[in-house]
Amino acid sequence: MSELHDMNSPSVGFRRRLCAGSGWAEAGKPDTGGHDAARGRIRHAWAAHLLMPSVHAEPAEPLSEDERQDVEAYVALVWKHYCFHASAGAILVVEQRVDLAEIGIPHGGTIDAAIVVPGVCAYGYDYKSGRSYVEAPKHNDQCKAYAWGLAHHFGVPVVSFSIVQGAAHDFVREMVWNAAQLAVIEKEWKAITAAALDPNAPRTPGERQCHDCRAKATCPERNAAITGATQFAKLHNADAVRAMTPAERGMWYALVQQGRARLEEIAKLMEETIVAESLPIDGFRVGPGKRGHRKWVDEIAALSVGRRIAIEKGRDPSALVTERVGSPSDFDKVLGTGADVKHRLSPLIEQPEGKMTLIQNTRPPKGA
């Protein structure tokens, strides 16, 4: 069943552990990964090709210079480690599928690269192309699942697993698990996946598990947790803040931050829907928002006219240019905003219309 894959896969383990009911909440909702996710897939495809070109074809989509450097740094690291262990009979595998059904992940998982010394140990690598800091392998549910999968797939008692992330604070973070520790991982993952499969599993909102959850916009528990008015009643004056412990202040401030972010999401959803569909709304109307910044249609012509006006007014025409021709606002400061100046410069100015938005009805619309 596709729902099982959505509920229990290595990449969402932390979300299921922190919010067991998140799998059922996310079921059927589309993946919200955008441009960054697409570029990440392209980087992984290039990494696989460069590590094992005879198996993985060269991707059609090229890499930017920054992406190429990041991929090549990862590839060089894995290849260096492979060459170091080659004398011990090590084998290199790329995009390796491992069976994780025993720990409740029926569709298994794919490990970016691994170096296996048969009967001795395995070295796994998870290439992260994003800039957001990823939790170290020691506490990373995805890495733990992959480590367990490597151990069982290749029959090795020890697994070293590394996150390689050139764009983050630390390039490489590593954790080594022995057989006893891998057995603990097995129990942890079985508990996570069993709880997630319960249709009545509770939903427990929180900043980390809700951040990338597909259901975060519609989750009643999340909405209630961070937008419920009654929970903020305690924060009625400064004395209430002073009376809190440091831990309470941290908890409440984080909650307020989450509430603000959620309310902004709700406001954006309402505004975009009302404007796009021209829905009636009491107290507001749909109209153009603030216009964009003024800019020149022709900078050279504007400078020519501006210089003539400056000379006529006894102003310094060189003040109209610094490293570039000044903006219309810069010209205003030098030439003033009199009717004659506006009359001569207005034909050379364009100002984009504001995007349609919701405007509060503080006064009736024109023509009403």
Protein backbone atom coordinates (compact mmCIF):
# COMPACT_ATOMS: atom_id res chain seq x y z
CA MET A 1 0.00 0.00 0.00
CA SER A 2 1.27 3.45 -0.89
CA GLU A 3 0.00 4.77 2.45
CA LEU A 4 2.44 2.52 4.27
CA HIS A 5 5.32 3.94 2.28
CA ASP A 6 4.19 7.46 3.14
CA MET A 7 3.81 6.62 6.79
CA ASN A 8 7.04 4.76 7.39
CA SER A 9 10.16 5.58 5.43
CA PRO A 10 13.64 6.42 6.75
CA SER A 11 13.35 10.13 5.93
CA VAL A 12 10.22 10.70 8.04
CA GLY A 13 11.25 8.61 11.05
CA PHE A 14 11.86 11.64 13.27
CA ARG A 15 8.40 12.98 12.41
CA ARG A 16 6.70 9.68 13.27
CA ARG A 17 8.68 9.45 16.52
CA LEU A 18 7.70 12.95 17.61
CA CYS A 19 4.14 12.79 16.23
CA ALA A 20 2.88 9.23 15.77
CA GLY A 21 -0.30 10.37 14.01
CA SER A 22 1.47 12.44 11.38
CA GLY A 23 1.46 9.59 8.86
CA TRP A 24 -2.32 9.37 8.71
CA ALA A 25 -2.54 13.18 8.60
CA GLU A 26 -0.17 13.31 5.62
CA ALA A 27 -1.77 10.43 3.68
CA GLY A 28 -2.91 11.54 0.24
CA LYS A 29 -1.40 15.00 0.48
CA PRO A 30 1.10 16.02 -2.23
CA ASP A 31 4.81 16.39 -1.65
CA THR A 32 5.56 20.08 -1.18
CA GLY A 33 9.23 19.83 -2.20
CA GLY A 34 10.06 22.59 -4.65
CA HIS A 35 13.07 23.85 -6.58
CA ASP A 36 15.63 22.98 -3.90
CA ALA A 37 14.38 19.41 -3.70
CA ALA A 38 14.57 19.05 -7.48
CA ARG A 39 18.13 20.40 -7.57
CA GLY A 40 19.02 18.02 -4.74
CA ARG A 41 17.87 15.05 -6.82
CA ILE A 42 20.01 16.23 -9.73
CA ARG A 43 23.06 16.52 -7.47
CA HIS A 44 22.51 13.00 -6.18
CA ALA A 45 22.21 11.68 -9.73
CA TRP A 46 25.51 13.33 -10.67
CA ALA A 47 27.19 11.99 -7.53
CA ALA A 48 26.08 8.46 -8.39
CA HIS A 49 27.35 8.85 -11.96
CA LEU A 50 30.74 10.19 -10.90
CA LEU A 51 31.23 7.42 -8.34
CA MET A 52 30.11 4.61 -10.66
CA PRO A 53 29.78 5.78 -14.30
CA SER A 54 29.49 2.25 -15.67
CA VAL A 55 26.23 1.74 -13.75
CA HIS A 56 24.71 5.21 -13.40
CA ALA A 57 24.27 7.22 -16.59
CA GLU A 58 25.29 10.86 -16.86
CA PRO A 59 22.28 13.08 -16.03
CA ALA A 60 20.96 15.29 -18.80
CA GLU A 61 20.60 18.29 -16.48
CA PRO A 62 23.90 20.15 -15.90
CA LEU A 63 25.17 21.42 -12.56
CA SER A 64 25.98 24.99 -11.68
CA GLU A 65 29.56 25.73 -10.64
CA ASP A 66 28.68 25.74 -6.92
CA GLU A 67 26.72 22.51 -7.25
CA ARG A 68 29.57 20.87 -9.16
CA GLN A 69 32.10 21.77 -6.47
CA ASP A 70 29.83 20.43 -3.73
CA VAL A 71 29.20 17.14 -5.55
CA GLU A 72 32.86 16.66 -6.41
CA ALA A 73 33.91 17.23 -2.79
CA TYR A 74 31.52 14.49 -1.67
CA VAL A 75 32.64 12.11 -4.43
CA ALA A 76 36.32 12.73 -3.62
CA LEU A 77 35.71 11.93 0.05
CA VAL A 78 33.96 8.63 -0.66
CA TRP A 79 36.54 7.62 -3.27
CA LYS A 80 39.42 8.44 -0.94
CA HIS A 81 37.92 6.23 1.79
CA TYR A 82 37.29 3.43 -0.70
CA CYS A 83 40.90 3.48 -1.92
CA PHE A 84 42.09 3.36 1.70
CA HIS A 85 40.05 0.21 2.42
CA ALA A 86 40.50 -1.47 -0.99
CA SER A 87 43.50 -3.49 0.21
CA ALA A 88 41.23 -5.14 2.81
CA GLY A 89 38.89 -6.39 0.06
CA ALA A 90 36.38 -3.55 0.36
CA ILE A 91 33.65 -3.11 -2.24
CA LEU A 92 31.95 0.15 -3.19
CA VAL A 93 28.18 0.26 -3.70
CA VAL A 94 26.22 3.29 -4.90
CA GLU A 95 22.48 3.94 -4.57
CA GLN A 96 22.23 0.72 -2.60
CA ARG A 97 18.73 -0.53 -1.77
CA VAL A 98 18.41 -2.19 1.63
CA ASP A 99 15.51 -4.22 3.01
CA LEU A 100 13.99 -2.56 6.08
CA ALA A 101 10.72 -4.48 6.27
CA GLU A 102 11.74 -6.15 9.54
CA ILE A 103 11.75 -2.77 11.30
CA GLY A 104 8.44 -1.68 9.74
CA ILE A 105 9.58 0.07 6.57
CA PRO A 106 8.09 -2.15 3.82
CA HIS A 107 9.61 -0.31 0.85
CA GLY A 108 13.11 -0.22 2.31
CA GLY A 109 15.51 2.60 1.63
CA THR A 110 18.30 3.70 -0.67
CA ILE A 111 21.73 4.57 0.70
CA ASP A 112 23.71 7.08 -1.35
CA ALA A 113 26.99 5.17 -1.08
CA ALA A 114 28.64 2.55 1.10
CA ILE A 115 32.03 0.86 1.42
CA VAL A 116 31.76 -2.69 2.69
CA VAL A 117 34.58 -4.79 4.13
CA PRO A 118 32.93 -8.25 4.03
CA GLY A 119 32.39 -9.80 7.45
CA VAL A 120 34.05 -6.87 9.22
CA CYS A 121 32.26 -3.54 8.83
CA ALA A 122 30.47 -1.15 6.50
CA TYR A 123 30.87 2.58 5.97
CA GLY A 124 27.69 4.33 4.85
CA TYR A 125 27.37 7.85 3.42
CA ASP A 126 24.33 10.09 3.19
CA TYR A 127 24.96 13.10 0.92
CA LYS A 128 22.95 16.16 1.95
CA SER A 129 22.83 18.98 -0.60
CA GLY A 130 20.77 21.47 1.42
CA ARG A 131 21.94 24.32 3.63
CA SER A 132 19.68 23.59 6.60
CA TYR A 133 21.59 21.91 9.40
CA VAL A 134 20.86 18.18 9.55
CA GLU A 135 21.01 16.40 12.89
CA ALA A 136 24.16 14.33 13.43
CA PRO A 137 23.95 10.56 12.77
CA LYS A 138 24.01 9.76 16.50
CA HIS A 139 20.52 11.24 16.87
CA ASN A 140 19.33 10.91 13.26
CA ASP A 141 16.53 8.34 12.79
CA GLN A 142 17.17 8.08 9.04
CA CYS A 143 20.86 7.32 9.54
CA LYS A 144 20.02 4.75 12.19
CA ALA A 145 17.64 2.93 9.84
CA TYR A 146 20.25 2.93 7.06
CA ALA A 147 22.96 1.68 9.43
CA TRP A 148 20.73 -1.18 10.56
CA GLY A 149 19.89 -1.94 6.92
CA LEU A 150 23.57 -2.04 5.93
CA ALA A 151 24.40 -4.38 8.79
CA HIS A 152 21.66 -6.84 7.84
CA HIS A 153 22.09 -6.57 4.08
CA PHE A 154 25.81 -7.28 4.14
CA GLY A 155 26.03 -9.30 7.36
CA VAL A 156 28.52 -7.05 9.14
CA PRO A 157 28.63 -6.48 12.93
CA VAL A 158 29.78 -2.85 12.86
CA VAL A 159 28.55 0.09 10.81
CA SER A 160 30.02 3.56 10.53
CA PHE A 161 27.61 6.06 9.04
CA SER A 162 28.43 9.60 7.90
CA ILE A 163 26.41 12.62 6.83
CA VAL A 164 28.32 14.59 4.19
CA GLN A 165 26.98 18.13 3.87
CA GLY A 166 29.29 20.68 2.36
CA ALA A 167 26.79 23.55 2.54
CA ALA A 168 26.24 23.24 6.30
CA HIS A 169 28.37 24.03 9.33
CA ASP A 170 30.14 20.66 9.46
CA PHE A 171 31.23 18.92 6.27
CA VAL A 172 31.25 15.38 7.73
CA ARG A 173 29.58 14.00 10.84
CA GLU A 174 30.07 10.34 11.70
CA MET A 175 28.75 7.73 14.14
CA VAL A 176 29.86 4.12 14.66
CA TRP A 177 27.41 1.48 15.92
CA ASN A 178 28.33 -2.02 17.12
CA ALA A 179 26.06 -5.08 17.11
CA ALA A 180 24.50 -4.32 20.51
CA GLN A 181 23.77 -0.74 19.54
CA LEU A 182 22.26 -1.84 16.22
CA ALA A 183 19.92 -4.13 18.19
CA VAL A 184 18.74 -1.09 20.15
CA ILE A 185 18.12 0.77 16.88
CA GLU A 186 15.99 -2.17 15.72
CA LYS A 187 13.78 -1.90 18.83
CA GLU A 188 13.51 1.87 18.49
CA TRP A 189 12.42 1.72 14.87
CA LYS A 190 9.95 -1.10 15.46
CA ALA A 191 8.30 1.01 18.16
CA ILE A 192 8.17 4.07 15.89
CA THR A 193 6.62 2.25 12.93
CA ALA A 194 4.15 0.26 15.03
CA ALA A 195 2.83 3.43 16.67
CA ALA A 196 2.56 5.21 13.31
CA LEU A 197 0.39 2.47 11.81
CA ASP A 198 -2.28 2.91 14.46
CA PRO A 199 -5.15 4.88 12.84
CA ASN A 200 -5.89 6.39 16.25
CA ALA A 201 -2.30 7.46 16.92
CA PRO A 202 -2.21 10.88 18.58
CA ARG A 203 -0.95 13.95 16.75
CA THR A 204 1.57 15.91 18.80
CA PRO A 205 2.45 19.26 17.23
CA GLY A 206 5.87 20.82 17.62
CA GLU A 207 8.19 23.09 15.68
CA ARG A 208 10.47 20.33 14.35
CA GLN A 209 7.92 17.71 13.33
CA CYS A 210 5.51 20.25 11.87
CA HIS A 211 8.08 22.17 9.81
CA ASP A 212 8.00 19.95 6.70
CA CYS A 213 4.83 17.98 7.44
CA ARG A 214 2.52 17.83 4.43
CA ALA A 215 -0.49 18.22 6.71
CA LYS A 216 0.72 21.23 8.70
CA ALA A 217 -1.67 23.67 7.01
CA THR A 218 -4.75 21.60 7.86
CA CYS A 219 -3.78 19.84 11.11
CA PRO A 220 -6.40 20.72 13.78
CA GLU A 221 -4.04 19.82 16.60
CA ARG A 222 -1.34 22.15 15.28
CA ASN A 223 -3.81 24.96 14.77
CA ALA A 224 -5.23 24.51 18.26
CA ALA A 225 -1.78 24.29 19.84
CA ILE A 226 -0.37 27.48 18.37
CA THR A 227 -3.35 29.72 17.63
CA GLY A 228 -5.75 29.03 20.49
CA ALA A 229 -6.46 32.37 22.16
CA THR A 230 -6.95 30.99 25.67
CA GLN A 231 -3.43 29.63 25.98
CA PHE A 232 -1.97 33.14 25.78
CA ALA A 233 -4.22 34.51 28.55
CA LYS A 234 -1.39 33.94 31.01
CA LEU A 235 0.76 36.51 29.18
CA HIS A 236 -1.27 39.53 30.23
CA ASN A 237 1.45 41.80 31.62
CA ALA A 238 5.18 42.14 32.32
CA ASP A 239 4.81 40.67 35.82
CA ALA A 240 3.71 37.37 34.28
CA VAL A 241 6.92 37.25 32.26
CA ARG A 242 9.07 38.13 35.28
CA ALA A 243 7.46 35.37 37.35
CA MET A 244 8.36 32.64 34.84
CA THR A 245 11.33 30.35 35.12
CA PRO A 246 13.89 30.54 32.28
CA ALA A 247 12.48 27.28 30.91
CA GLU A 248 8.94 28.67 30.94
CA ARG A 249 10.04 31.85 29.18
CA GLY A 250 11.74 29.77 26.50
CA MET A 251 8.67 27.57 26.05
CA TRP A 252 6.23 30.49 25.86
CA TYR A 253 8.39 32.57 23.55
CA ALA A 254 8.82 29.63 21.16
CA LEU A 255 5.06 29.10 21.25
CA VAL A 256 4.40 32.75 20.42
CA GLN A 257 6.85 32.54 17.50
CA GLN A 258 5.06 29.45 16.17
CA GLY A 259 1.69 31.16 16.61
CA ARG A 260 2.86 34.20 14.67
CA ALA A 261 4.18 32.03 11.83
CA ARG A 262 0.97 29.99 11.69
CA LEU A 263 -1.24 33.06 11.68
CA GLU A 264 0.83 34.48 8.82
CA GLU A 265 0.27 31.24 6.89
CA ILE A 266 -3.48 31.46 7.51
CA ALA A 267 -3.58 35.14 6.48
CA LYS A 268 -1.68 34.37 3.27
CA LEU A 269 -3.99 31.44 2.44
CA MET A 270 -7.11 33.57 2.97
CA GLU A 271 -5.78 36.57 1.08
CA GLU A 272 -4.61 34.57 -1.93
CA THR A 273 -7.91 32.65 -2.15
CA ILE A 274 -10.14 35.71 -1.74
CA VAL A 275 -8.16 37.77 -4.27
CA ALA A 276 -7.82 34.98 -6.85
CA GLU A 277 -11.51 34.10 -6.74
CA SER A 278 -12.90 37.61 -6.04
CA LEU A 279 -14.76 36.36 -2.98
CA PRO A 280 -16.84 38.90 -1.03
CA ILE A 281 -15.46 39.86 2.39
CA ASP A 282 -17.00 42.27 4.89
CA GLY A 283 -14.77 45.12 6.00
CA PHE A 284 -12.30 44.73 3.13
CA ARG A 285 -12.18 45.03 -0.62
CA VAL A 286 -9.92 43.67 -3.34
CA GLY A 287 -7.73 46.34 -4.89
CA PRO A 288 -4.19 47.15 -5.97
CA GLY A 289 -1.66 47.31 -3.19
CA LYS A 290 1.24 49.70 -2.80
CA ARG A 291 2.83 50.53 -6.15
CA GLY A 292 6.40 49.48 -6.88
CA HIS A 293 9.40 51.81 -6.78
CA ARG A 294 9.67 54.43 -9.52
CA LYS A 295 12.36 53.80 -12.10
CA TRP A 296 13.58 55.42 -15.28
CA VAL A 297 12.31 54.35 -18.68
CA ASP A 298 15.56 55.74 -20.14
CA GLU A 299 18.36 56.60 -17.68
CA ILE A 300 20.43 58.54 -20.24
CA ALA A 301 17.49 60.72 -21.28
CA ALA A 302 16.58 61.28 -17.61
CA LEU A 303 20.14 62.36 -16.81
CA SER A 304 20.15 64.77 -19.75
CA VAL A 305 16.88 66.41 -18.69
CA GLY A 306 17.88 66.37 -15.02
CA ARG A 307 21.19 68.13 -15.74
CA ARG A 308 19.42 70.92 -17.66
CA ILE A 309 16.97 71.42 -14.77
CA ALA A 310 19.82 71.46 -12.23
CA ILE A 311 21.73 74.08 -14.18
CA GLU A 312 18.60 76.21 -14.54
CA LYS A 313 18.00 76.00 -10.78
CA GLY A 314 21.62 76.63 -9.85
CA ARG A 315 22.04 73.12 -8.44
CA ASP A 316 25.07 70.84 -8.86
CA PRO A 317 24.31 68.46 -11.78
CA SER A 318 27.06 66.07 -10.66
CA ALA A 319 24.92 65.24 -7.60
CA LEU A 320 22.56 63.35 -9.93
CA VAL A 321 25.19 60.64 -10.44
CA THR A 322 27.25 58.64 -7.94
CA GLU A 323 28.40 55.24 -9.16
CA ARG A 324 25.30 55.16 -11.34
CA VAL A 325 22.51 57.46 -12.44
CA GLY A 326 20.41 58.36 -9.41
CA SER A 327 16.88 57.04 -9.02
CA PRO A 328 13.83 59.30 -9.39
CA SER A 329 13.87 59.68 -5.59
CA ASP A 330 17.51 60.78 -5.73
CA PHE A 331 16.60 63.37 -8.39
CA ASP A 332 13.82 64.66 -6.11
CA LYS A 333 16.38 65.42 -3.39
CA VAL A 334 18.54 67.44 -5.80
CA LEU A 335 15.92 69.09 -8.01
CA GLY A 336 12.90 69.30 -5.72
CA THR A 337 9.38 68.14 -6.53
CA GLY A 338 7.90 71.25 -8.08
CA ALA A 339 5.27 71.05 -10.81
CA ASP A 340 7.74 72.07 -13.52
CA VAL A 341 10.20 69.31 -12.52
CA LYS A 342 7.44 66.71 -12.44
CA HIS A 343 6.13 67.85 -15.81
CA ARG A 344 9.54 67.39 -17.49
CA LEU A 345 10.60 64.16 -15.76
CA SER A 346 7.29 62.26 -15.47
CA PRO A 347 7.34 61.02 -19.10
CA LEU A 348 10.67 59.34 -18.31
CA ILE A 349 9.39 57.53 -15.21
CA GLU A 350 7.52 54.25 -14.89
CA GLN A 351 6.05 52.80 -11.71
CA PRO A 352 4.67 49.23 -11.59
CA GLU A 353 1.11 48.80 -10.38
CA GLY A 354 0.73 47.14 -7.01
CA LYS A 355 -0.37 43.50 -6.81
CA MET A 356 -4.05 42.93 -6.13
CA THR A 357 -4.56 42.47 -2.43
CA LEU A 358 -7.07 42.99 0.39
CA ILE A 359 -7.56 46.60 1.48
CA GLN A 360 -9.37 47.53 4.67
CA ASN A 361 -12.45 49.65 4.05
CA THR A 362 -11.41 52.74 5.99
CA ARG A 363 -13.05 54.81 3.28
CA PRO A 364 -15.48 53.92 0.48
CA PRO A 365 -13.96 52.93 -2.87
CA LYS A 366 -13.81 55.59 -5.60
CA GLY A 367 -17.04 55.98 -7.50
CA ALA A 368 -19.14 54.42 -4.75
